[in-house]
Amino acid sequence: MEYGSIEREIHVDASPEVVFEVVSRPEHISQWWTDDADFEAAPGAVGEFVWGDRAVVSPMTVVQVEPPRLFSFRWCYSDGKVAESLLVTFELTPSGTGTRIRLTETGFREMGWEAAKLAQMYREHVEGWDTFVPRLGAYAARLVSAP
């Protein structure tokens, strides 16, 4: 297996402006992905994603912010080195009355993991995005349909 990147694409019945908020603001991310998040949506901003009662805390760094079409961040640092981390990118494209969301996560081979750990981490992230990308779509759709 290559382990180069993970790509997921979905269509959401919400505008790119709404979807951008959903993927780039901590209060929204904590509704579909993490239990908590703390960061500013500005290039170079440092923050964190939190799961459980701080059982898992993952530092992150915002890379690109181009409302309402692109948001990316690095996370899963190797020994605190941002350059040796995974890059997650959300590309948002208007599609009819909604938005096509394309998520890409890259950098697995660059992490320097031995083969078994690389395979395990890649598999865990595939399973994670298979769960959380549909949640992202459902959450965004709920936001625009709520009275």
Protein backbone atom coordinates (compact mmCIF):
# COMPACT_ATOMS: atom_id res chain seq x y z
CA MET A 1 0.00 0.00 0.00
CA GLU A 2 1.20 3.53 -0.79
CA TYR A 3 0.17 5.47 2.38
CA GLY A 4 0.63 8.73 0.49
CA SER A 5 -2.64 10.52 1.16
CA ILE A 6 -6.23 10.13 2.25
CA GLU A 7 -8.88 11.86 0.18
CA ARG A 8 -12.58 12.16 0.90
CA GLU A 9 -15.18 14.15 -1.00
CA ILE A 10 -18.80 14.90 -0.14
CA HIS A 11 -21.52 17.30 -1.17
CA VAL A 12 -23.34 19.34 1.49
CA ASP A 13 -26.50 21.37 1.11
CA ALA A 14 -24.90 24.44 2.68
CA SER A 15 -23.07 27.41 1.19
CA PRO A 16 -19.25 27.51 1.08
CA GLU A 17 -19.43 30.33 3.66
CA VAL A 18 -21.27 28.10 6.13
CA VAL A 19 -19.04 25.09 5.44
CA PHE A 20 -15.92 27.23 5.85
CA GLU A 21 -17.08 28.18 9.34
CA VAL A 22 -17.74 24.49 10.12
CA VAL A 23 -14.20 23.41 9.17
CA SER A 24 -12.30 26.45 10.48
CA ARG A 25 -13.87 27.45 13.80
CA PRO A 26 -13.20 25.56 17.05
CA GLU A 27 -16.80 25.80 18.28
CA HIS A 28 -17.98 24.03 15.13
CA ILE A 29 -15.13 21.49 14.88
CA SER A 30 -15.96 20.31 18.39
CA GLN A 31 -19.47 19.47 17.19
CA TRP A 32 -18.46 17.01 14.46
CA TRP A 33 -14.87 15.90 15.14
CA THR A 34 -13.16 16.67 18.43
CA ASP A 35 -14.47 17.05 21.96
CA ASP A 36 -12.84 20.48 22.15
CA ALA A 37 -10.60 22.68 20.02
CA ASP A 38 -8.74 25.90 20.64
CA PHE A 39 -7.10 27.94 17.88
CA GLU A 40 -7.47 31.10 15.84
CA ALA A 41 -8.19 30.67 12.12
CA ALA A 42 -5.13 32.63 11.00
CA PRO A 43 -2.04 31.35 9.15
CA GLY A 44 0.66 30.40 11.64
CA ALA A 45 -1.70 30.28 14.62
CA VAL A 46 -0.96 27.45 17.04
CA GLY A 47 -3.67 25.61 18.93
CA GLU A 48 -4.90 22.17 19.91
CA PHE A 49 -7.52 19.51 19.32
CA VAL A 50 -8.77 17.67 22.41
CA TRP A 51 -10.51 14.32 22.81
CA GLY A 52 -11.95 13.00 26.05
CA ASP A 53 -11.29 14.92 29.24
CA ARG A 54 -7.92 15.97 27.79
CA ALA A 55 -7.05 12.26 27.46
CA VAL A 56 -5.69 13.02 23.98
CA VAL A 57 -4.42 16.48 23.10
CA SER A 58 -2.99 17.08 19.64
CA PRO A 59 -1.18 20.34 18.92
CA MET A 60 -1.99 21.92 15.57
CA THR A 61 -0.80 24.82 13.44
CA VAL A 62 -2.99 26.64 10.93
CA VAL A 63 -1.36 26.74 7.49
CA GLN A 64 -3.78 28.38 5.02
CA VAL A 65 -6.98 30.35 5.50
CA GLU A 66 -8.74 31.50 2.33
CA PRO A 67 -12.44 32.04 3.12
CA PRO A 68 -14.67 30.59 1.87
CA ARG A 69 -12.68 28.12 -0.23
CA LEU A 70 -9.68 26.70 1.66
CA PHE A 71 -8.60 25.85 5.20
CA SER A 72 -5.58 23.73 6.11
CA PHE A 73 -3.63 22.80 9.21
CA ARG A 74 -0.77 20.59 10.35
CA TRP A 75 -1.10 18.17 13.24
CA CYS A 76 0.39 14.94 14.65
CA TYR A 77 3.81 16.54 15.04
CA SER A 78 6.81 14.25 15.19
CA ASP A 79 8.71 15.22 18.35
CA GLY A 80 7.14 18.68 18.23
CA LYS A 81 8.49 19.40 14.73
CA VAL A 82 5.72 21.09 12.71
CA ALA A 83 7.56 20.35 9.44
CA GLU A 84 7.28 16.64 10.25
CA SER A 85 3.52 16.46 10.58
CA LEU A 86 0.36 15.56 8.74
CA LEU A 87 -1.29 18.22 6.59
CA VAL A 88 -5.09 18.34 6.42
CA THR A 89 -6.68 20.49 3.71
CA PHE A 90 -10.35 21.29 3.21
CA GLU A 91 -11.11 22.58 -0.30
CA LEU A 92 -14.61 24.01 -0.69
CA THR A 93 -16.20 24.46 -4.12
CA PRO A 94 -19.69 25.83 -4.83
CA SER A 95 -21.85 23.11 -6.35
CA GLY A 96 -25.44 23.95 -7.23
CA THR A 97 -27.02 25.33 -4.07
CA GLY A 98 -24.46 23.58 -1.89
CA THR A 99 -20.75 22.89 -1.52
CA ARG A 100 -18.39 20.12 -2.56
CA ILE A 101 -15.99 19.44 0.32
CA ARG A 102 -12.72 17.78 -0.57
CA LEU A 103 -10.59 16.70 2.38
CA THR A 104 -7.01 15.62 1.81
CA GLU A 105 -4.57 14.42 4.48
CA THR A 106 -0.94 13.98 3.45
CA GLY A 107 2.47 13.46 5.01
CA PHE A 108 2.25 9.90 6.30
CA ARG A 109 5.47 8.67 4.65
CA GLU A 110 7.30 11.80 5.81
CA MET A 111 6.59 11.09 9.48
CA GLY A 112 9.53 8.68 9.71
CA TRP A 113 7.43 5.91 11.26
CA GLU A 114 8.58 2.32 10.91
CA ALA A 115 6.46 0.25 8.49
CA ALA A 116 4.06 -1.29 11.02
CA LYS A 117 3.33 2.03 12.72
CA LEU A 118 2.91 3.77 9.35
CA ALA A 119 0.34 1.15 8.29
CA GLN A 120 -1.48 1.39 11.64
CA MET A 121 -1.62 5.20 11.70
CA TYR A 122 -2.74 5.38 8.08
CA ARG A 123 -5.49 2.82 8.75
CA GLU A 124 -6.63 4.70 11.88
CA HIS A 125 -6.84 7.98 9.98
CA VAL A 126 -8.74 6.35 7.09
CA GLU A 127 -11.26 4.95 9.58
CA GLY A 128 -11.43 8.29 11.38
CA TRP A 129 -12.15 10.34 8.27
CA ASP A 130 -14.66 7.70 7.12
CA THR A 131 -16.53 8.45 10.36
CA PHE A 132 -16.00 12.20 10.71
CA VAL A 133 -16.41 13.49 7.14
CA PRO A 134 -20.06 12.32 7.03
CA ARG A 135 -20.56 13.91 10.48
CA LEU A 136 -19.13 17.18 9.12
CA GLY A 137 -21.65 17.06 6.26
CA ALA A 138 -24.59 16.26 8.52
CA TYR A 139 -23.63 19.00 10.97
CA ALA A 140 -23.31 21.65 8.23
CA ALA A 141 -26.67 20.61 6.76
CA ARG A 142 -28.29 20.85 10.21
CA LEU A 143 -26.93 24.38 10.68
CA VAL A 144 -28.68 25.66 7.56
CA SER A 145 -31.93 23.76 8.17
CA ALA A 146 -32.29 24.76 11.84
CA PRO A 147 -35.11 27.27 12.45
